[in-house]
Amino acid sequence: ELGDFADEDLALLDKCADYYALSHIHDFNL
């Protein structure tokens, strides 16, 4: 759940989502 993450982790996830949006990457592959 998103509530399980700490604020710092959520900030990193936000940055990651921004980078995905800017680079138009929609399929995440581990």
mmCIF file of all heavy atoms, coordinates in Angstrom:
data_MODEL
# 
_entry.id   MODEL 
# 
loop_
_atom_site.group_PDB 
_atom_site.id 
_atom_site.type_symbol 
_atom_site.label_atom_id 
_atom_site.label_alt_id 
_atom_site.label_comp_id 
_atom_site.label_asym_id 
_atom_site.label_entity_id 
_atom_site.label_seq_id 
_atom_site.pdbx_PDB_ins_code 
_atom_site.Cartn_x 
_atom_site.Cartn_y 
_atom_site.Cartn_z 
_atom_site.occupancy 
_atom_site.B_iso_or_equiv 
_atom_site.pdbx_formal_charge 
_atom_site.auth_seq_id 
_atom_site.auth_comp_id 
_atom_site.auth_asym_id 
_atom_site.auth_atom_id 
_atom_site.pdbx_PDB_model_num 
ATOM 1   N N   . GLU A 1 1  ? 0.869  -1.182 0.000   1.00 0.00 ? 1  GLU A N   1 
ATOM 2   C CA  . GLU A 1 1  ? 0.000  0.000  0.000   1.00 0.00 ? 1  GLU A CA  1 
ATOM 3   C C   . GLU A 1 1  ? 0.904  1.229  0.000   1.00 0.00 ? 1  GLU A C   1 
ATOM 4   O O   . GLU A 1 1  ? 1.996  1.216  0.586   1.00 0.00 ? 1  GLU A O   1 
ATOM 5   C CB  . GLU A 1 1  ? -0.880 0.019  1.253   1.00 0.00 ? 1  GLU A CB  1 
ATOM 6   C CG  . GLU A 1 1  ? -1.913 -1.087 1.313   1.00 0.00 ? 1  GLU A CG  1 
ATOM 7   C CD  . GLU A 1 1  ? -3.030 -0.895 0.289   1.00 0.00 ? 1  GLU A CD  1 
ATOM 8   O OE1 . GLU A 1 1  ? -3.366 0.257  -0.020  1.00 0.00 ? 1  GLU A OE1 1 
ATOM 9   O OE2 . GLU A 1 1  ? -3.542 -1.919 -0.202  1.00 0.00 ? 1  GLU A OE2 1 
ATOM 10  N N   . LEU A 1 2  ? 0.468  2.277  -0.664  1.00 0.00 ? 2  LEU A N   1 
ATOM 11  C CA  . LEU A 1 2  ? 1.284  3.492  -0.702  1.00 0.00 ? 2  LEU A CA  1 
ATOM 12  C C   . LEU A 1 2  ? 1.467  4.087  0.689   1.00 0.00 ? 2  LEU A C   1 
ATOM 13  O O   . LEU A 1 2  ? 2.456  4.755  0.952   1.00 0.00 ? 2  LEU A O   1 
ATOM 14  C CB  . LEU A 1 2  ? 0.653  4.526  -1.640  1.00 0.00 ? 2  LEU A CB  1 
ATOM 15  C CG  . LEU A 1 2  ? 0.756  4.191  -3.122  1.00 0.00 ? 2  LEU A CG  1 
ATOM 16  C CD1 . LEU A 1 2  ? 0.053  5.267  -3.947  1.00 0.00 ? 2  LEU A CD1 1 
ATOM 17  C CD2 . LEU A 1 2  ? 2.183  4.054  -3.563  1.00 0.00 ? 2  LEU A CD2 1 
ATOM 18  N N   . GLY A 1 3  ? 0.557  3.829  1.593   1.00 0.00 ? 3  GLY A N   1 
ATOM 19  C CA  . GLY A 1 3  ? 0.695  4.331  2.963   1.00 0.00 ? 3  GLY A CA  1 
ATOM 20  C C   . GLY A 1 3  ? 1.792  3.628  3.734   1.00 0.00 ? 3  GLY A C   1 
ATOM 21  O O   . GLY A 1 3  ? 2.217  4.098  4.788   1.00 0.00 ? 3  GLY A O   1 
ATOM 22  N N   . ASP A 1 4  ? 2.261  2.485  3.240   1.00 0.00 ? 4  ASP A N   1 
ATOM 23  C CA  . ASP A 1 4  ? 3.315  1.739  3.921   1.00 0.00 ? 4  ASP A CA  1 
ATOM 24  C C   . ASP A 1 4  ? 4.689  2.384  3.731   1.00 0.00 ? 4  ASP A C   1 
ATOM 25  O O   . ASP A 1 4  ? 5.624  2.090  4.470   1.00 0.00 ? 4  ASP A O   1 
ATOM 26  C CB  . ASP A 1 4  ? 3.387  0.297  3.394   1.00 0.00 ? 4  ASP A CB  1 
ATOM 27  C CG  . ASP A 1 4  ? 2.139  -0.500 3.743   1.00 0.00 ? 4  ASP A CG  1 
ATOM 28  O OD1 . ASP A 1 4  ? 1.395  -0.050 4.631   1.00 0.00 ? 4  ASP A OD1 1 
ATOM 29  O OD2 . ASP A 1 4  ? 1.930  -1.572 3.126   1.00 0.00 ? 4  ASP A OD2 1 
ATOM 30  N N   . PHE A 1 5  ? 4.828  3.259  2.744   1.00 0.00 ? 5  PHE A N   1 
ATOM 31  C CA  . PHE A 1 5  ? 6.130  3.852  2.435   1.00 0.00 ? 5  PHE A CA  1 
ATOM 32  C C   . PHE A 1 5  ? 6.385  5.084  3.293   1.00 0.00 ? 5  PHE A C   1 
ATOM 33  O O   . PHE A 1 5  ? 5.457  5.810  3.652   1.00 0.00 ? 5  PHE A O   1 
ATOM 34  C CB  . PHE A 1 5  ? 6.203  4.255  0.959   1.00 0.00 ? 5  PHE A CB  1 
ATOM 35  C CG  . PHE A 1 5  ? 6.225  3.085  0.019   1.00 0.00 ? 5  PHE A CG  1 
ATOM 36  C CD1 . PHE A 1 5  ? 5.149  2.814  -0.822  1.00 0.00 ? 5  PHE A CD1 1 
ATOM 37  C CD2 . PHE A 1 5  ? 7.320  2.248  -0.030  1.00 0.00 ? 5  PHE A CD2 1 
ATOM 38  C CE1 . PHE A 1 5  ? 5.169  1.746  -1.687  1.00 0.00 ? 5  PHE A CE1 1 
ATOM 39  C CE2 . PHE A 1 5  ? 7.349  1.170  -0.906  1.00 0.00 ? 5  PHE A CE2 1 
ATOM 40  C CZ  . PHE A 1 5  ? 6.274  0.917  -1.729  1.00 0.00 ? 5  PHE A CZ  1 
ATOM 41  N N   . ALA A 1 6  ? 7.655  5.337  3.596   1.00 0.00 ? 6  ALA A N   1 
ATOM 42  C CA  . ALA A 1 6  ? 8.051  6.559  4.314   1.00 0.00 ? 6  ALA A CA  1 
ATOM 43  C C   . ALA A 1 6  ? 7.994  7.728  3.340   1.00 0.00 ? 6  ALA A C   1 
ATOM 44  O O   . ALA A 1 6  ? 7.922  7.544  2.114   1.00 0.00 ? 6  ALA A O   1 
ATOM 45  C CB  . ALA A 1 6  ? 9.463  6.398  4.869   1.00 0.00 ? 6  ALA A CB  1 
ATOM 46  N N   . ASP A 1 7  ? 8.004  8.933  3.893   1.00 0.00 ? 7  ASP A N   1 
ATOM 47  C CA  . ASP A 1 7  ? 7.919  10.131 3.058   1.00 0.00 ? 7  ASP A CA  1 
ATOM 48  C C   . ASP A 1 7  ? 9.073  10.208 2.056   1.00 0.00 ? 7  ASP A C   1 
ATOM 49  O O   . ASP A 1 7  ? 8.888  10.608 0.909   1.00 0.00 ? 7  ASP A O   1 
ATOM 50  C CB  . ASP A 1 7  ? 7.910  11.391 3.933   1.00 0.00 ? 7  ASP A CB  1 
ATOM 51  C CG  . ASP A 1 7  ? 6.601  11.520 4.717   1.00 0.00 ? 7  ASP A CG  1 
ATOM 52  O OD1 . ASP A 1 7  ? 5.593  10.921 4.269   1.00 0.00 ? 7  ASP A OD1 1 
ATOM 53  O OD2 . ASP A 1 7  ? 6.603  12.221 5.745   1.00 0.00 ? 7  ASP A OD2 1 
ATOM 54  N N   . GLU A 1 8  ? 10.286 9.812  2.500   1.00 0.00 ? 8  GLU A N   1 
ATOM 55  C CA  . GLU A 1 8  ? 11.454 9.860  1.604   1.00 0.00 ? 8  GLU A CA  1 
ATOM 56  C C   . GLU A 1 8  ? 11.271 8.884  0.450   1.00 0.00 ? 8  GLU A C   1 
ATOM 57  O O   . GLU A 1 8  ? 11.611 9.186  -0.703  1.00 0.00 ? 8  GLU A O   1 
ATOM 58  C CB  . GLU A 1 8  ? 12.727 9.525  2.383   1.00 0.00 ? 8  GLU A CB  1 
ATOM 59  C CG  . GLU A 1 8  ? 13.038 10.530 3.479   1.00 0.00 ? 8  GLU A CG  1 
ATOM 60  C CD  . GLU A 1 8  ? 13.745 9.860  4.659   1.00 0.00 ? 8  GLU A CD  1 
ATOM 61  O OE1 . GLU A 1 8  ? 13.940 8.637  4.643   1.00 0.00 ? 8  GLU A OE1 1 
ATOM 62  O OE2 . GLU A 1 8  ? 14.088 10.592 5.588   1.00 0.00 ? 8  GLU A OE2 1 
ATOM 63  N N   . ASP A 1 9  ? 10.715 7.707  0.777   1.00 0.00 ? 9  ASP A N   1 
ATOM 64  C CA  . ASP A 1 9  ? 10.497 6.707  -0.277  1.00 0.00 ? 9  ASP A CA  1 
ATOM 65  C C   . ASP A 1 9  ? 9.438  7.185  -1.268  1.00 0.00 ? 9  ASP A C   1 
ATOM 66  O O   . ASP A 1 9  ? 9.565  6.971  -2.478  1.00 0.00 ? 9  ASP A O   1 
ATOM 67  C CB  . ASP A 1 9  ? 10.075 5.368  0.333   1.00 0.00 ? 9  ASP A CB  1 
ATOM 68  C CG  . ASP A 1 9  ? 11.169 4.768  1.199   1.00 0.00 ? 9  ASP A CG  1 
ATOM 69  O OD1 . ASP A 1 9  ? 12.354 5.084  0.944   1.00 0.00 ? 9  ASP A OD1 1 
ATOM 70  O OD2 . ASP A 1 9  ? 10.845 3.995  2.120   1.00 0.00 ? 9  ASP A OD2 1 
ATOM 71  N N   . LEU A 1 10 ? 8.391  7.817  -0.735  1.00 0.00 ? 10 LEU A N   1 
ATOM 72  C CA  . LEU A 1 10 ? 7.358  8.348  -1.628  1.00 0.00 ? 10 LEU A CA  1 
ATOM 73  C C   . LEU A 1 10 ? 7.909  9.446  -2.529  1.00 0.00 ? 10 LEU A C   1 
ATOM 74  O O   . LEU A 1 10 ? 7.542  9.542  -3.705  1.00 0.00 ? 10 LEU A O   1 
ATOM 75  C CB  . LEU A 1 10 ? 6.181  8.878  -0.805  1.00 0.00 ? 10 LEU A CB  1 
ATOM 76  C CG  . LEU A 1 10 ? 5.288  7.803  -0.167  1.00 0.00 ? 10 LEU A CG  1 
ATOM 77  C CD1 . LEU A 1 10 ? 4.235  8.449  0.711   1.00 0.00 ? 10 LEU A CD1 1 
ATOM 78  C CD2 . LEU A 1 10 ? 4.641  6.936  -1.216  1.00 0.00 ? 10 LEU A CD2 1 
ATOM 79  N N   . ALA A 1 11 ? 8.818  10.266 -1.968  1.00 0.00 ? 11 ALA A N   1 
ATOM 80  C CA  . ALA A 1 11 ? 9.449  11.308 -2.786  1.00 0.00 ? 11 ALA A CA  1 
ATOM 81  C C   . ALA A 1 11 ? 10.260 10.674 -3.916  1.00 0.00 ? 11 ALA A C   1 
ATOM 82  O O   . ALA A 1 11 ? 10.229 11.144 -5.066  1.00 0.00 ? 11 ALA A O   1 
ATOM 83  C CB  . ALA A 1 11 ? 10.325 12.200 -1.927  1.00 0.00 ? 11 ALA A CB  1 
ATOM 84  N N   . LEU A 1 12 ? 10.965 9.598  -3.593  1.00 0.00 ? 12 LEU A N   1 
ATOM 85  C CA  . LEU A 1 12 ? 11.734 8.894  -4.635  1.00 0.00 ? 12 LEU A CA  1 
ATOM 86  C C   . LEU A 1 12 ? 10.806 8.280  -5.667  1.00 0.00 ? 12 LEU A C   1 
ATOM 87  O O   . LEU A 1 12 ? 11.103 8.299  -6.867  1.00 0.00 ? 12 LEU A O   1 
ATOM 88  C CB  . LEU A 1 12 ? 12.612 7.813  -4.003  1.00 0.00 ? 12 LEU A CB  1 
ATOM 89  C CG  . LEU A 1 12 ? 13.838 8.299  -3.243  1.00 0.00 ? 12 LEU A CG  1 
ATOM 90  C CD1 . LEU A 1 12 ? 14.538 7.125  -2.558  1.00 0.00 ? 12 LEU A CD1 1 
ATOM 91  C CD2 . LEU A 1 12 ? 14.803 9.007  -4.172  1.00 0.00 ? 12 LEU A CD2 1 
ATOM 92  N N   . LEU A 1 13 ? 9.684  7.723  -5.213  1.00 0.00 ? 13 LEU A N   1 
ATOM 93  C CA  . LEU A 1 13 ? 8.725  7.163  -6.164  1.00 0.00 ? 13 LEU A CA  1 
ATOM 94  C C   . LEU A 1 13 ? 8.153  8.252  -7.065  1.00 0.00 ? 13 LEU A C   1 
ATOM 95  O O   . LEU A 1 13 ? 7.945  8.034  -8.267  1.00 0.00 ? 13 LEU A O   1 
ATOM 96  C CB  . LEU A 1 13 ? 7.600  6.446  -5.415  1.00 0.00 ? 13 LEU A CB  1 
ATOM 97  C CG  . LEU A 1 13 ? 7.949  5.064  -4.869  1.00 0.00 ? 13 LEU A CG  1 
ATOM 98  C CD1 . LEU A 1 13 ? 6.803  4.525  -4.019  1.00 0.00 ? 13 LEU A CD1 1 
ATOM 99  C CD2 . LEU A 1 13 ? 8.267  4.096  -5.979  1.00 0.00 ? 13 LEU A CD2 1 
ATOM 100 N N   . ASP A 1 14 ? 7.892  9.439  -6.481  1.00 0.00 ? 14 ASP A N   1 
ATOM 101 C CA  . ASP A 1 14 ? 7.404  10.564 -7.290  1.00 0.00 ? 14 ASP A CA  1 
ATOM 102 C C   . ASP A 1 14 ? 8.422  10.944 -8.360  1.00 0.00 ? 14 ASP A C   1 
ATOM 103 O O   . ASP A 1 14 ? 8.074  11.169 -9.521  1.00 0.00 ? 14 ASP A O   1 
ATOM 104 C CB  . ASP A 1 14 ? 7.102  11.777 -6.404  1.00 0.00 ? 14 ASP A CB  1 
ATOM 105 C CG  . ASP A 1 14 ? 5.798  11.624 -5.639  1.00 0.00 ? 14 ASP A CG  1 
ATOM 106 O OD1 . ASP A 1 14 ? 4.974  10.781 -6.055  1.00 0.00 ? 14 ASP A OD1 1 
ATOM 107 O OD2 . ASP A 1 14 ? 5.613  12.353 -4.642  1.00 0.00 ? 14 ASP A OD2 1 
ATOM 108 N N   . LYS A 1 15 ? 9.702  11.016 -7.943  1.00 0.00 ? 15 LYS A N   1 
ATOM 109 C CA  . LYS A 1 15 ? 10.761 11.339 -8.909  1.00 0.00 ? 15 LYS A CA  1 
ATOM 110 C C   . LYS A 1 15 ? 10.817 10.288 -10.010 1.00 0.00 ? 15 LYS A C   1 
ATOM 111 O O   . LYS A 1 15 ? 10.949 10.606 -11.189 1.00 0.00 ? 15 LYS A O   1 
ATOM 112 C CB  . LYS A 1 15 ? 12.129 11.414 -8.216  1.00 0.00 ? 15 LYS A CB  1 
ATOM 113 C CG  . LYS A 1 15 ? 12.432 12.720 -7.595  1.00 0.00 ? 15 LYS A CG  1 
ATOM 114 C CD  . LYS A 1 15 ? 13.880 12.693 -7.119  1.00 0.00 ? 15 LYS A CD  1 
ATOM 115 C CE  . LYS A 1 15 ? 14.268 14.019 -6.521  1.00 0.00 ? 15 LYS A CE  1 
ATOM 116 N NZ  . LYS A 1 15 ? 15.634 14.008 -6.042  1.00 0.00 ? 15 LYS A NZ  1 
ATOM 117 N N   . CYS A 1 16 ? 10.716 9.018  -9.580  1.00 0.00 ? 16 CYS A N   1 
ATOM 118 C CA  . CYS A 1 16 ? 10.765 7.917  -10.545 1.00 0.00 ? 16 CYS A CA  1 
ATOM 119 C C   . CYS A 1 16 ? 9.607  8.034  -11.533 1.00 0.00 ? 16 CYS A C   1 
ATOM 120 O O   . CYS A 1 16 ? 9.784  7.867  -12.741 1.00 0.00 ? 16 CYS A O   1 
ATOM 121 C CB  . CYS A 1 16 ? 10.724 6.594  -9.797  1.00 0.00 ? 16 CYS A CB  1 
ATOM 122 S SG  . CYS A 1 16 ? 10.936 5.167  -10.850 1.00 0.00 ? 16 CYS A SG  1 
ATOM 123 N N   . ALA A 1 17 ? 8.402  8.331  -11.018 1.00 0.00 ? 17 ALA A N   1 
ATOM 124 C CA  . ALA A 1 17 ? 7.242  8.489  -11.894 1.00 0.00 ? 17 ALA A CA  1 
ATOM 125 C C   . ALA A 1 17 ? 7.423  9.666  -12.842 1.00 0.00 ? 17 ALA A C   1 
ATOM 126 O O   . ALA A 1 17 ? 7.062  9.582  -14.021 1.00 0.00 ? 17 ALA A O   1 
ATOM 127 C CB  . ALA A 1 17 ? 5.980  8.679  -11.046 1.00 0.00 ? 17 ALA A CB  1 
ATOM 128 N N   . ASP A 1 18 ? 8.017  10.750 -12.332 1.00 0.00 ? 18 ASP A N   1 
ATOM 129 C CA  . ASP A 1 18 ? 8.288  11.899 -13.199 1.00 0.00 ? 18 ASP A CA  1 
ATOM 130 C C   . ASP A 1 18 ? 9.254  11.524 -14.317 1.00 0.00 ? 18 ASP A C   1 
ATOM 131 O O   . ASP A 1 18 ? 9.058  11.901 -15.476 1.00 0.00 ? 18 ASP A O   1 
ATOM 132 C CB  . ASP A 1 18 ? 8.853  13.068 -12.387 1.00 0.00 ? 18 ASP A CB  1 
ATOM 133 C CG  . ASP A 1 18 ? 7.821  13.696 -11.464 1.00 0.00 ? 18 ASP A CG  1 
ATOM 134 O OD1 . ASP A 1 18 ? 6.613  13.493 -11.702 1.00 0.00 ? 18 ASP A OD1 1 
ATOM 135 O OD2 . ASP A 1 18 ? 8.245  14.390 -10.506 1.00 0.00 ? 18 ASP A OD2 1 
ATOM 136 N N   . TYR A 1 19 ? 10.274 10.774 -13.971 1.00 0.00 ? 19 TYR A N   1 
ATOM 137 C CA  . TYR A 1 19 ? 11.250 10.367 -14.985 1.00 0.00 ? 19 TYR A CA  1 
ATOM 138 C C   . TYR A 1 19 ? 10.594 9.451  -16.024 1.00 0.00 ? 19 TYR A C   1 
ATOM 139 O O   . TYR A 1 19 ? 10.873 9.555  -17.215 1.00 0.00 ? 19 TYR A O   1 
ATOM 140 C CB  . TYR A 1 19 ? 12.452 9.673  -14.350 1.00 0.00 ? 19 TYR A CB  1 
ATOM 141 C CG  . TYR A 1 19 ? 13.334 10.596 -13.542 1.00 0.00 ? 19 TYR A CG  1 
ATOM 142 C CD1 . TYR A 1 19 ? 13.947 10.149 -12.378 1.00 0.00 ? 19 TYR A CD1 1 
ATOM 143 C CD2 . TYR A 1 19 ? 13.554 11.911 -13.930 1.00 0.00 ? 19 TYR A CD2 1 
ATOM 144 C CE1 . TYR A 1 19 ? 14.755 10.989 -11.633 1.00 0.00 ? 19 TYR A CE1 1 
ATOM 145 C CE2 . TYR A 1 19 ? 14.365 12.755 -13.182 1.00 0.00 ? 19 TYR A CE2 1 
ATOM 146 C CZ  . TYR A 1 19 ? 14.955 12.290 -12.038 1.00 0.00 ? 19 TYR A CZ  1 
ATOM 147 O OH  . TYR A 1 19 ? 15.750 13.121 -11.308 1.00 0.00 ? 19 TYR A OH  1 
ATOM 148 N N   . TYR A 1 20 ? 9.730  8.548  -15.536 1.00 0.00 ? 20 TYR A N   1 
ATOM 149 C CA  . TYR A 1 20 ? 9.017  7.680  -16.470 1.00 0.00 ? 20 TYR A CA  1 
ATOM 150 C C   . TYR A 1 20 ? 8.152  8.506  -17.403 1.00 0.00 ? 20 TYR A C   1 
ATOM 151 O O   . TYR A 1 20 ? 8.094  8.255  -18.606 1.00 0.00 ? 20 TYR A O   1 
ATOM 152 C CB  . TYR A 1 20 ? 8.142  6.674  -15.731 1.00 0.00 ? 20 TYR A CB  1 
ATOM 153 C CG  . TYR A 1 20 ? 8.890  5.495  -15.172 1.00 0.00 ? 20 TYR A CG  1 
ATOM 154 C CD1 . TYR A 1 20 ? 8.615  5.010  -13.899 1.00 0.00 ? 20 TYR A CD1 1 
ATOM 155 C CD2 . TYR A 1 20 ? 9.864  4.848  -15.916 1.00 0.00 ? 20 TYR A CD2 1 
ATOM 156 C CE1 . TYR A 1 20 ? 9.296  3.927  -13.389 1.00 0.00 ? 20 TYR A CE1 1 
ATOM 157 C CE2 . TYR A 1 20 ? 10.548 3.766  -15.413 1.00 0.00 ? 20 TYR A CE2 1 
ATOM 158 C CZ  . TYR A 1 20 ? 10.262 3.303  -14.146 1.00 0.00 ? 20 TYR A CZ  1 
ATOM 159 O OH  . TYR A 1 20 ? 10.929 2.227  -13.658 1.00 0.00 ? 20 TYR A OH  1 
ATOM 160 N N   . ALA A 1 21 ? 7.468  9.511  -16.845 1.00 0.00 ? 21 ALA A N   1 
ATOM 161 C CA  . ALA A 1 21 ? 6.582  10.338 -17.663 1.00 0.00 ? 21 ALA A CA  1 
ATOM 162 C C   . ALA A 1 21 ? 7.384  11.148 -18.678 1.00 0.00 ? 21 ALA A C   1 
ATOM 163 O O   . ALA A 1 21 ? 6.985  11.272 -19.841 1.00 0.00 ? 21 ALA A O   1 
ATOM 164 C CB  . ALA A 1 21 ? 5.755  11.270 -16.772 1.00 0.00 ? 21 ALA A CB  1 
ATOM 165 N N   . LEU A 1 22 ? 8.515  11.685 -18.235 1.00 0.00 ? 22 LEU A N   1 
ATOM 166 C CA  . LEU A 1 22 ? 9.334  12.496 -19.146 1.00 0.00 ? 22 LEU A CA  1 
ATOM 167 C C   . LEU A 1 22 ? 9.965  11.645 -20.248 1.00 0.00 ? 22 LEU A C   1 
ATOM 168 O O   . LEU A 1 22 ? 10.138 12.106 -21.370 1.00 0.00 ? 22 LEU A O   1 
ATOM 169 C CB  . LEU A 1 22 ? 10.426 13.235 -18.365 1.00 0.00 ? 22 LEU A CB  1 
ATOM 170 C CG  . LEU A 1 22 ? 9.932  14.356 -17.445 1.00 0.00 ? 22 LEU A CG  1 
ATOM 171 C CD1 . LEU A 1 22 ? 11.091 14.887 -16.609 1.00 0.00 ? 22 LEU A CD1 1 
ATOM 172 C CD2 . LEU A 1 22 ? 9.307  15.480 -18.252 1.00 0.00 ? 22 LEU A CD2 1 
ATOM 173 N N   . SER A 1 23 ? 10.326 10.426 -19.896 1.00 0.00 ? 23 SER A N   1 
ATOM 174 C CA  . SER A 1 23 ? 10.995 9.578  -20.894 1.00 0.00 ? 23 SER A CA  1 
ATOM 175 C C   . SER A 1 23 ? 10.010 8.681  -21.628 1.00 0.00 ? 23 SER A C   1 
ATOM 176 O O   . SER A 1 23 ? 10.421 7.888  -22.467 1.00 0.00 ? 23 SER A O   1 
ATOM 177 C CB  . SER A 1 23 ? 12.084 8.743  -20.222 1.00 0.00 ? 23 SER A CB  1 
ATOM 178 O OG  . SER A 1 23 ? 11.496 7.907  -19.255 1.00 0.00 ? 23 SER A OG  1 
ATOM 179 N N   . HIS A 1 24 ? 8.748  8.797  -21.300 1.00 0.00 ? 24 HIS A N   1 
ATOM 180 C CA  . HIS A 1 24 ? 7.692  8.016  -21.940 1.00 0.00 ? 24 HIS A CA  1 
ATOM 181 C C   . HIS A 1 24 ? 7.894  6.514  -21.791 1.00 0.00 ? 24 HIS A C   1 
ATOM 182 O O   . HIS A 1 24 ? 7.640  5.739  -22.701 1.00 0.00 ? 24 HIS A O   1 
ATOM 183 C CB  . HIS A 1 24 ? 7.546  8.378  -23.426 1.00 0.00 ? 24 HIS A CB  1 
ATOM 184 C CG  . HIS A 1 24 ? 7.237  9.823  -23.629 1.00 0.00 ? 24 HIS A CG  1 
ATOM 185 N ND1 . HIS A 1 24 ? 6.035  10.394 -23.284 1.00 0.00 ? 24 HIS A ND1 1 
ATOM 186 C CD2 . HIS A 1 24 ? 8.001  10.845 -24.110 1.00 0.00 ? 24 HIS A CD2 1 
ATOM 187 C CE1 . HIS A 1 24 ? 6.055  11.685 -23.558 1.00 0.00 ? 24 HIS A CE1 1 
ATOM 188 N NE2 . HIS A 1 24 ? 7.238  11.996 -24.058 1.00 0.00 ? 24 HIS A NE2 1 
ATOM 189 N N   . ILE A 1 25 ? 8.412  6.117  -20.631 1.00 0.00 ? 25 ILE A N   1 
ATOM 190 C CA  . ILE A 1 25 ? 8.573  4.695  -20.328 1.00 0.00 ? 25 ILE A CA  1 
ATOM 191 C C   . ILE A 1 25 ? 7.338  4.273  -19.541 1.00 0.00 ? 25 ILE A C   1 
ATOM 192 O O   . ILE A 1 25 ? 7.046  4.792  -18.475 1.00 0.00 ? 25 ILE A O   1 
ATOM 193 C CB  . ILE A 1 25 ? 9.843  4.440  -19.476 1.00 0.00 ? 25 ILE A CB  1 
ATOM 194 C CG1 . ILE A 1 25 ? 11.086 4.839  -20.252 1.00 0.00 ? 25 ILE A CG1 1 
ATOM 195 C CG2 . ILE A 1 25 ? 9.894  2.988  -19.043 1.00 0.00 ? 25 ILE A CG2 1 
ATOM 196 C CD1 . ILE A 1 25 ? 12.352 4.734  -19.460 1.00 0.00 ? 25 ILE A CD1 1 
ATOM 197 N N   . HIS A 1 26 ? 6.607  3.326  -20.066 1.00 0.00 ? 26 HIS A N   1 
ATOM 198 C CA  . HIS A 1 26 ? 5.387  2.897  -19.383 1.00 0.00 ? 26 HIS A CA  1 
ATOM 199 C C   . HIS A 1 26 ? 5.451  1.427  -18.994 1.00 0.00 ? 26 HIS A C   1 
ATOM 200 O O   . HIS A 1 26 ? 4.636  0.970  -18.215 1.00 0.00 ? 26 HIS A O   1 
ATOM 201 C CB  . HIS A 1 26 ? 4.159  3.135  -20.276 1.00 0.00 ? 26 HIS A CB  1 
ATOM 202 C CG  . HIS A 1 26 ? 4.006  4.575  -20.639 1.00 0.00 ? 26 HIS A CG  1 
ATOM 203 N ND1 . HIS A 1 26 ? 3.768  5.554  -19.716 1.00 0.00 ? 26 HIS A ND1 1 
ATOM 204 C CD2 . HIS A 1 26 ? 4.089  5.209  -21.830 1.00 0.00 ? 26 HIS A CD2 1 
ATOM 205 C CE1 . HIS A 1 26 ? 3.700  6.731  -20.309 1.00 0.00 ? 26 HIS A CE1 1 
ATOM 206 N NE2 . HIS A 1 26 ? 3.897  6.547  -21.609 1.00 0.00 ? 26 HIS A NE2 1 
ATOM 207 N N   . ASP A 1 27 ? 6.405  0.710  -19.546 1.00 0.00 ? 27 ASP A N   1 
ATOM 208 C CA  . ASP A 1 27 ? 6.517  -0.701 -19.218 1.00 0.00 ? 27 ASP A CA  1 
ATOM 209 C C   . ASP A 1 27 ? 7.778  -0.877 -18.377 1.00 0.00 ? 27 ASP A C   1 
ATOM 210 O O   . ASP A 1 27 ? 8.900  -0.739 -18.868 1.00 0.00 ? 27 ASP A O   1 
ATOM 211 C CB  . ASP A 1 27 ? 6.608  -1.529 -20.502 1.00 0.00 ? 27 ASP A CB  1 
ATOM 212 C CG  . ASP A 1 27 ? 6.568  -3.011 -20.214 1.00 0.00 ? 27 ASP A CG  1 
ATOM 213 O OD1 . ASP A 1 27 ? 6.064  -3.377 -19.139 1.00 0.00 ? 27 ASP A OD1 1 
ATOM 214 O OD2 . ASP A 1 27 ? 7.030  -3.785 -21.073 1.00 0.00 ? 27 ASP A OD2 1 
ATOM 215 N N   . PHE A 1 28 ? 7.604  -1.177 -17.115 1.00 0.00 ? 28 PHE A N   1 
ATOM 216 C CA  . PHE A 1 28 ? 8.736  -1.315 -16.194 1.00 0.00 ? 28 PHE A CA  1 
ATOM 217 C C   . PHE A 1 28 ? 9.186  -2.765 -16.184 1.00 0.00 ? 28 PHE A C   1 
ATOM 218 O O   . PHE A 1 28 ? 8.387  -3.668 -15.931 1.00 0.00 ? 28 PHE A O   1 
ATOM 219 C CB  . PHE A 1 28 ? 8.299  -0.872 -14.789 1.00 0.00 ? 28 PHE A CB  1 
ATOM 220 C CG  . PHE A 1 28 ? 9.399  -0.949 -13.786 1.00 0.00 ? 28 PHE A CG  1 
ATOM 221 C CD1 . PHE A 1 28 ? 10.464 -0.075 -13.858 1.00 0.00 ? 28 PHE A CD1 1 
ATOM 222 C CD2 . PHE A 1 28 ? 9.379  -1.896 -12.772 1.00 0.00 ? 28 PHE A CD2 1 
ATOM 223 C CE1 . PHE A 1 28 ? 11.472 -0.134 -12.930 1.00 0.00 ? 28 PHE A CE1 1 
ATOM 224 C CE2 . PHE A 1 28 ? 10.385 -1.957 -11.864 1.00 0.00 ? 28 PHE A CE2 1 
ATOM 225 C CZ  . PHE A 1 28 ? 11.435 -1.076 -11.927 1.00 0.00 ? 28 PHE A CZ  1 
ATOM 226 N N   . ASN A 1 29 ? 10.480 -2.985 -16.445 1.00 0.00 ? 29 ASN A N   1 
ATOM 227 C CA  . ASN A 1 29 ? 11.027 -4.323 -16.480 1.00 0.00 ? 29 ASN A CA  1 
ATOM 228 C C   . ASN A 1 29 ? 12.147 -4.410 -15.445 1.00 0.00 ? 29 ASN A C   1 
ATOM 229 O O   . ASN A 1 29 ? 13.093 -3.626 -15.488 1.00 0.00 ? 29 ASN A O   1 
ATOM 230 C CB  . ASN A 1 29 ? 11.558 -4.624 -17.884 1.00 0.00 ? 29 ASN A CB  1 
ATOM 231 C CG  . ASN A 1 29 ? 11.927 -6.076 -18.064 1.00 0.00 ? 29 ASN A CG  1 
ATOM 232 O OD1 . ASN A 1 29 ? 12.041 -6.814 -17.093 1.00 0.00 ? 29 ASN A OD1 1 
ATOM 233 N ND2 . ASN A 1 29 ? 12.100 -6.479 -19.307 1.00 0.00 ? 29 ASN A ND2 1 
ATOM 234 N N   . LEU A 1 30 ? 12.055 -5.344 -14.532 1.00 0.00 ? 30 LEU A N   1 
ATOM 235 C CA  . LEU A 1 30 ? 13.064 -5.468 -13.466 1.00 0.00 ? 30 LEU A CA  1 
ATOM 236 C C   . LEU A 1 30 ? 14.430 -5.877 -14.013 1.00 0.00 ? 30 LEU A C   1 
ATOM 237 O O   . LEU A 1 30 ? 15.441 -5.581 -13.399 1.00 0.00 ? 30 LEU A O   1 
ATOM 238 C CB  . LEU A 1 30 ? 12.603 -6.482 -12.419 1.00 0.00 ? 30 LEU A CB  1 
ATOM 239 C CG  . LEU A 1 30 ? 11.533 -5.989 -11.455 1.00 0.00 ? 30 LEU A CG  1 
ATOM 240 C CD1 . LEU A 1 30 ? 11.168 -7.102 -10.480 1.00 0.00 ? 30 LEU A CD1 1 
ATOM 241 C CD2 . LEU A 1 30 ? 12.018 -4.779 -10.704 1.00 0.00 ? 30 LEU A CD2 1 
# 
